[in-house]
Protein backbone atom coordinates (compact mmCIF):
# COMPACT_ATOMS: atom_id res chain seq x y z
CA MET A 1 -8.60 8.73 0.46
CA THR A 2 -10.64 9.96 -2.45
CA SER A 3 -14.27 9.56 -1.47
CA ASN A 4 -15.51 9.22 -5.11
CA THR A 5 -13.08 6.45 -5.84
CA VAL A 6 -13.93 4.59 -2.64
CA GLU A 7 -17.64 4.81 -3.41
CA THR A 8 -17.08 3.51 -6.96
CA CYS A 9 -14.95 0.60 -5.61
CA ILE A 10 -17.64 -0.17 -3.10
CA LYS A 11 -20.26 -0.46 -5.75
CA ILE A 12 -17.99 -2.60 -8.09
CA LEU A 13 -17.08 -5.03 -5.32
CA GLU A 14 -20.51 -5.21 -3.82
CA ASN A 15 -22.01 -6.27 -7.27
CA ALA A 16 -19.11 -8.48 -8.28
CA LYS A 17 -19.58 -12.29 -7.98
CA THR A 18 -16.26 -13.62 -9.09
CA ILE A 19 -13.56 -11.50 -7.64
CA VAL A 20 -9.96 -12.65 -8.27
CA VAL A 21 -7.32 -11.13 -5.94
CA LEU A 22 -3.64 -10.62 -6.65
CA THR A 23 -1.57 -9.88 -3.56
CA GLY A 24 2.01 -8.89 -2.83
CA ALA A 25 4.20 -7.97 0.13
CA GLY A 26 2.24 -4.79 0.89
CA ILE A 27 -0.68 -6.80 2.50
CA SER A 28 1.66 -8.46 4.88
CA THR A 29 3.50 -5.38 6.11
CA GLU A 30 0.55 -4.62 8.26
CA SER A 31 1.46 -8.00 10.04
CA GLY A 32 4.99 -6.70 10.69
CA ILE A 33 6.61 -8.40 7.75
CA LYS A 34 9.02 -6.23 5.72
CA ASP A 35 8.35 -5.68 1.98
CA PHE A 36 11.11 -5.73 -0.55
CA ARG A 37 11.29 -2.44 -2.55
CA SER A 38 10.12 0.33 -0.18
CA ARG A 39 12.49 2.57 1.74
CA THR A 40 12.53 0.15 4.64
CA GLY A 41 12.37 -2.96 2.58
CA ILE A 42 14.56 -6.01 2.37
CA TYR A 43 16.54 -4.72 -0.70
CA ASN A 44 17.77 -1.81 1.38
CA LEU A 45 19.42 -4.45 3.57
CA ALA A 46 20.93 -6.46 0.77
CA PRO A 47 20.86 -6.55 -3.12
CA GLU A 48 18.50 -8.72 -5.02
CA TYR A 49 21.38 -10.99 -5.78
CA ILE A 50 21.40 -12.56 -2.29
CA LEU A 51 17.89 -14.14 -3.18
CA SER A 52 19.24 -15.51 -6.50
CA LEU A 53 19.70 -19.17 -7.42
CA ASP A 54 23.37 -18.40 -8.18
CA TYR A 55 24.06 -17.03 -4.69
CA PHE A 56 22.16 -19.96 -3.11
CA TYR A 57 24.51 -22.40 -4.84
CA LYS A 58 27.72 -20.38 -4.16
CA GLN A 59 27.02 -19.43 -0.66
CA PRO A 60 24.20 -21.79 0.81
CA LYS A 61 24.99 -21.02 4.52
CA GLU A 62 24.80 -17.25 4.01
CA PHE A 63 21.78 -17.61 1.75
CA TYR A 64 19.89 -19.67 4.35
CA GLN A 65 20.86 -17.48 7.27
CA PHE A 66 19.57 -14.32 5.29
CA ALA A 67 16.39 -16.19 4.31
CA ILE A 68 15.57 -17.42 7.81
CA ASP A 69 16.36 -13.93 9.32
CA ASN A 70 14.29 -11.97 6.75
CA LEU A 71 11.76 -14.22 5.11
CA TYR A 72 10.71 -16.76 7.75
CA HIS A 73 8.08 -15.34 10.09
CA PRO A 74 6.25 -18.20 11.81
CA GLU A 75 5.14 -15.91 14.50
CA ALA A 76 3.30 -13.47 12.24
CA VAL A 77 -0.50 -13.40 12.35
CA PRO A 78 -3.01 -12.43 9.65
CA ASN A 79 -4.08 -8.73 9.73
CA GLU A 80 -7.48 -7.21 8.88
CA GLY A 81 -6.89 -7.39 5.20
CA HIS A 82 -6.18 -11.08 5.22
CA GLN A 83 -9.22 -11.70 7.39
CA ILE A 84 -11.61 -9.72 5.18
CA LEU A 85 -10.48 -11.59 2.08
CA ALA A 86 -11.17 -14.85 3.90
CA LYS A 87 -14.55 -13.54 4.95
CA TRP A 88 -15.41 -12.62 1.30
CA GLU A 89 -14.26 -16.03 0.16
CA LYS A 90 -16.61 -17.67 2.72
CA GLU A 91 -19.44 -15.36 1.36
CA GLY A 92 -18.68 -16.49 -2.25
CA LYS A 93 -17.42 -13.21 -3.51
CA VAL A 94 -13.78 -14.02 -3.78
CA THR A 95 -13.12 -17.03 -5.87
CA SER A 96 -9.32 -17.07 -5.85
CA ILE A 97 -6.22 -15.38 -4.36
CA ILE A 98 -3.04 -15.44 -6.27
CA THR A 99 -0.22 -14.34 -4.12
CA GLN A 100 3.50 -13.47 -4.48
CA ASN A 101 3.78 -13.95 -0.75
CA ILE A 102 5.50 -16.88 0.77
CA ASP A 103 4.34 -16.34 4.33
CA GLY A 104 1.17 -18.38 4.40
CA LEU A 105 -0.90 -15.62 6.05
CA HIS A 106 -3.83 -15.94 3.70
CA GLN A 107 -4.30 -19.61 4.69
CA LYS A 108 -3.83 -18.73 8.37
CA ALA A 109 -6.75 -16.24 8.06
CA GLY A 110 -8.99 -19.02 6.60
CA SER A 111 -8.71 -18.49 2.84
CA GLU A 112 -8.69 -21.80 1.04
CA ASN A 113 -8.47 -20.90 -2.71
CA VAL A 114 -4.96 -19.65 -2.56
CA ILE A 115 -2.28 -20.03 -5.16
CA GLU A 116 1.24 -19.34 -3.94
CA PHE A 117 2.82 -18.29 -7.13
CA HIS A 118 6.17 -17.71 -5.66
CA GLY A 119 6.12 -20.76 -3.31
CA THR A 120 6.32 -21.12 0.39
CA ILE A 121 9.02 -20.50 3.01
CA LYS A 122 7.54 -23.33 5.15
CA THR A 123 9.49 -26.01 3.43
CA ALA A 124 12.62 -27.03 1.35
CA THR A 125 13.15 -29.76 -1.03
CA CYS A 126 16.06 -31.84 -2.30
CA ARG A 127 16.49 -31.07 -6.05
CA ASN A 128 17.52 -34.66 -6.59
CA CYS A 129 15.22 -36.98 -4.74
CA GLY A 130 12.36 -34.72 -3.79
CA LYS A 131 12.58 -35.22 -0.08
CA THR A 132 10.86 -32.36 1.71
CA TYR A 133 12.22 -30.80 4.86
CA SER A 134 10.39 -28.29 7.14
CA THR A 135 12.05 -24.98 7.58
CA SER A 136 12.25 -25.58 11.33
CA GLU A 137 14.27 -28.70 10.49
CA MET A 138 16.59 -26.78 8.10
CA ILE A 139 17.33 -24.29 10.95
CA ASN A 140 18.28 -27.07 13.25
CA ARG A 141 20.57 -28.55 10.54
CA LEU A 142 22.10 -25.18 9.93
CA LYS A 143 23.09 -25.04 13.67
CA THR A 144 24.42 -28.56 13.87
CA MET A 145 25.75 -29.55 10.44
CA ASP A 146 28.43 -28.03 8.20
CA ASP A 147 26.80 -29.55 5.07
CA PHE A 148 23.22 -29.01 6.31
CA TYR A 149 22.13 -28.12 2.69
CA ILE A 150 22.99 -31.60 1.30
CA CYS A 151 20.09 -34.11 1.40
CA ASN A 152 20.60 -37.08 3.69
CA HIS A 153 19.55 -39.42 0.90
CA CYS A 154 22.13 -37.93 -1.44
CA LYS A 155 24.86 -37.26 1.06
CA THR A 156 27.65 -38.83 -0.96
CA LYS A 157 27.02 -36.59 -3.87
CA ARG A 158 27.75 -32.97 -3.74
CA GLU A 159 26.63 -31.76 -7.12
CA GLU A 160 24.20 -28.73 -7.15
CA ASP A 161 21.25 -31.07 -7.92
CA HIS A 162 21.46 -32.48 -4.46
CA PHE A 163 21.13 -29.24 -2.55
CA ILE A 164 18.04 -28.79 -0.33
CA LYS A 165 16.46 -25.63 -1.83
CA PRO A 166 13.76 -23.57 -0.03
CA ASP A 167 10.46 -23.95 -1.82
CA VAL A 168 10.48 -20.34 -3.01
CA VAL A 169 11.09 -18.80 -6.43
CA LEU A 170 14.61 -17.13 -6.65
CA PHE A 171 16.02 -14.72 -9.14
CA GLY A 172 17.39 -16.87 -11.92
CA ASP A 173 14.93 -19.78 -11.59
CA THR A 174 14.09 -20.97 -15.02
CA GLY A 175 10.38 -21.37 -14.63
CA ASP A 176 10.21 -25.16 -13.92
CA TRP A 177 8.86 -24.21 -10.52
CA PHE A 178 5.41 -23.58 -11.95
CA SER A 179 3.85 -25.92 -14.70
CA THR A 180 2.35 -24.68 -17.92
CA GLU A 181 -0.96 -26.22 -16.74
CA GLY A 182 -0.82 -24.24 -13.48
CA PHE A 183 -0.04 -20.99 -15.37
CA ASN A 184 -2.91 -21.52 -17.74
CA HIS A 185 -5.15 -22.22 -14.80
CA ILE A 186 -4.33 -18.85 -13.28
CA LEU A 187 -4.90 -17.13 -16.63
CA ASN A 188 -8.33 -18.87 -16.91
CA LEU A 189 -9.31 -17.68 -13.43
CA ILE A 190 -8.43 -14.16 -14.30
CA ARG A 191 -10.36 -14.28 -17.62
CA GLN A 192 -13.42 -15.55 -15.80
CA ALA A 193 -13.41 -12.80 -13.08
CA ASP A 194 -15.82 -10.07 -13.07
CA CYS A 195 -13.48 -7.87 -10.99
CA LEU A 196 -9.75 -8.03 -10.48
CA LEU A 197 -8.55 -6.73 -7.09
CA VAL A 198 -4.82 -6.00 -6.70
CA LEU A 199 -3.43 -5.58 -3.10
CA GLY A 200 -0.03 -4.51 -2.01
CA THR A 201 2.09 -5.19 -5.06
CA SER A 202 3.95 -2.76 -7.43
CA LEU A 203 3.38 -5.32 -10.31
CA LYS A 204 7.02 -4.93 -11.40
CA VAL A 205 8.13 -8.63 -11.24
CA THR A 206 7.33 -10.81 -14.24
CA PRO A 207 5.50 -12.94 -14.97
CA PHE A 208 3.18 -12.00 -12.09
CA SER A 209 3.02 -8.42 -13.30
CA THR A 210 1.48 -9.58 -16.62
CA PHE A 211 -1.65 -11.09 -14.98
CA PRO A 212 -3.87 -7.96 -15.07
CA GLN A 213 -3.39 -7.98 -18.90
CA TYR A 214 -5.49 -11.17 -19.11
CA LYS A 215 -8.64 -9.84 -17.60
CA SER A 216 -11.65 -9.60 -19.92
CA ASN A 217 -12.37 -6.35 -21.63
CA GLY A 218 -14.46 -4.02 -19.52
CA VAL A 219 -13.72 -5.93 -16.21
CA PRO A 220 -12.70 -3.23 -13.63
CA LEU A 221 -9.32 -3.42 -12.04
CA ILE A 222 -9.03 -2.09 -8.47
CA ILE A 223 -5.56 -1.41 -7.06
CA ILE A 224 -4.90 -0.69 -3.39
CA ASN A 225 -1.18 -0.14 -3.08
CA LYS A 226 0.81 2.70 -1.42
CA GLY A 227 3.10 2.95 -4.46
CA ASP A 228 2.64 3.44 -8.14
CA THR A 229 2.05 0.56 -10.58
CA PRO A 230 2.32 0.26 -14.30
CA TYR A 231 -1.48 -0.08 -14.49
CA ASP A 232 -2.56 2.94 -12.57
CA HIS A 233 -3.82 4.86 -15.70
CA ALA A 234 -5.19 1.95 -17.61
CA PRO A 235 -8.84 2.20 -18.62
CA ASN A 236 -11.38 1.11 -16.12
CA THR A 237 -8.74 1.10 -13.34
CA PHE A 238 -9.46 2.57 -9.83
CA VAL A 239 -6.39 3.24 -7.63
CA LEU A 240 -6.33 3.84 -3.83
CA GLN A 241 -2.94 4.51 -2.37
CA GLU A 242 -4.03 3.70 1.19
CA SER A 243 -3.73 1.06 3.89
CA ILE A 244 -5.15 -2.28 2.71
CA GLY A 245 -6.62 -3.34 6.00
CA GLU A 246 -8.18 0.04 6.61
CA THR A 247 -9.59 0.29 3.08
CA LEU A 248 -10.98 -3.17 3.00
CA SER A 249 -12.61 -2.63 6.33
CA ILE A 250 -14.30 0.50 5.17
CA ILE A 251 -15.58 -1.32 1.99
CA ASP A 252 -16.70 -4.34 3.94
CA GLU A 253 -18.68 -2.25 6.40
CA LYS A 254 -20.57 -0.60 3.54
CA PHE A 255 -21.61 -4.06 2.31
CA ASN A 256 -23.64 -4.49 5.51
């Protein structure tokens, strides 16, 4: 860990009053949840296609089984990184967390201002009538029903619109999962930030990857991620390729 970079980040974060945080799978790996693109990630088990809308419609049982086995972690608990972000929010330093993660660990840690940009694995919704099912209910349906993915209210119809889809963004989703108003709200939060803190994401999946481009000129960008990102060499950017929990803990101790 480069001491000069750490000291610079400490000063930036200590003086910041409106920190907006962008998080990805890397913050949850320290809670035992697999990421996607690393050597031990989910995409080494299966191709991206298995988490696509097309695969969901063609092979709903196989899709659900894979999602439940690899994306649903109700037993996972927040790690030190999640807890420190929640602490900083209570102290008024962190104004918002915008996350790619679907695990709900930020909320479990106590963070309240969380935008789940890629949705949540906790629920699934009928694409026709909007009836919502818990994931635990979908697991029970999978075990006991052949057509578990067809909504009870729409059972006589088998068109794709009546499938019960997990409330997560899949490859091939057209974008109707996030409103224009919601997207603009995120951009406004980023524009108003006096520091943008990126944790555990390679920033390679659009449109999430574009968010750092919307920060105001001169606002520092701090990236804590074990892999490279497209922004590592951008002006006023500070990069630490270290453990998120350990690094945030060091920074938080210096505040006191």
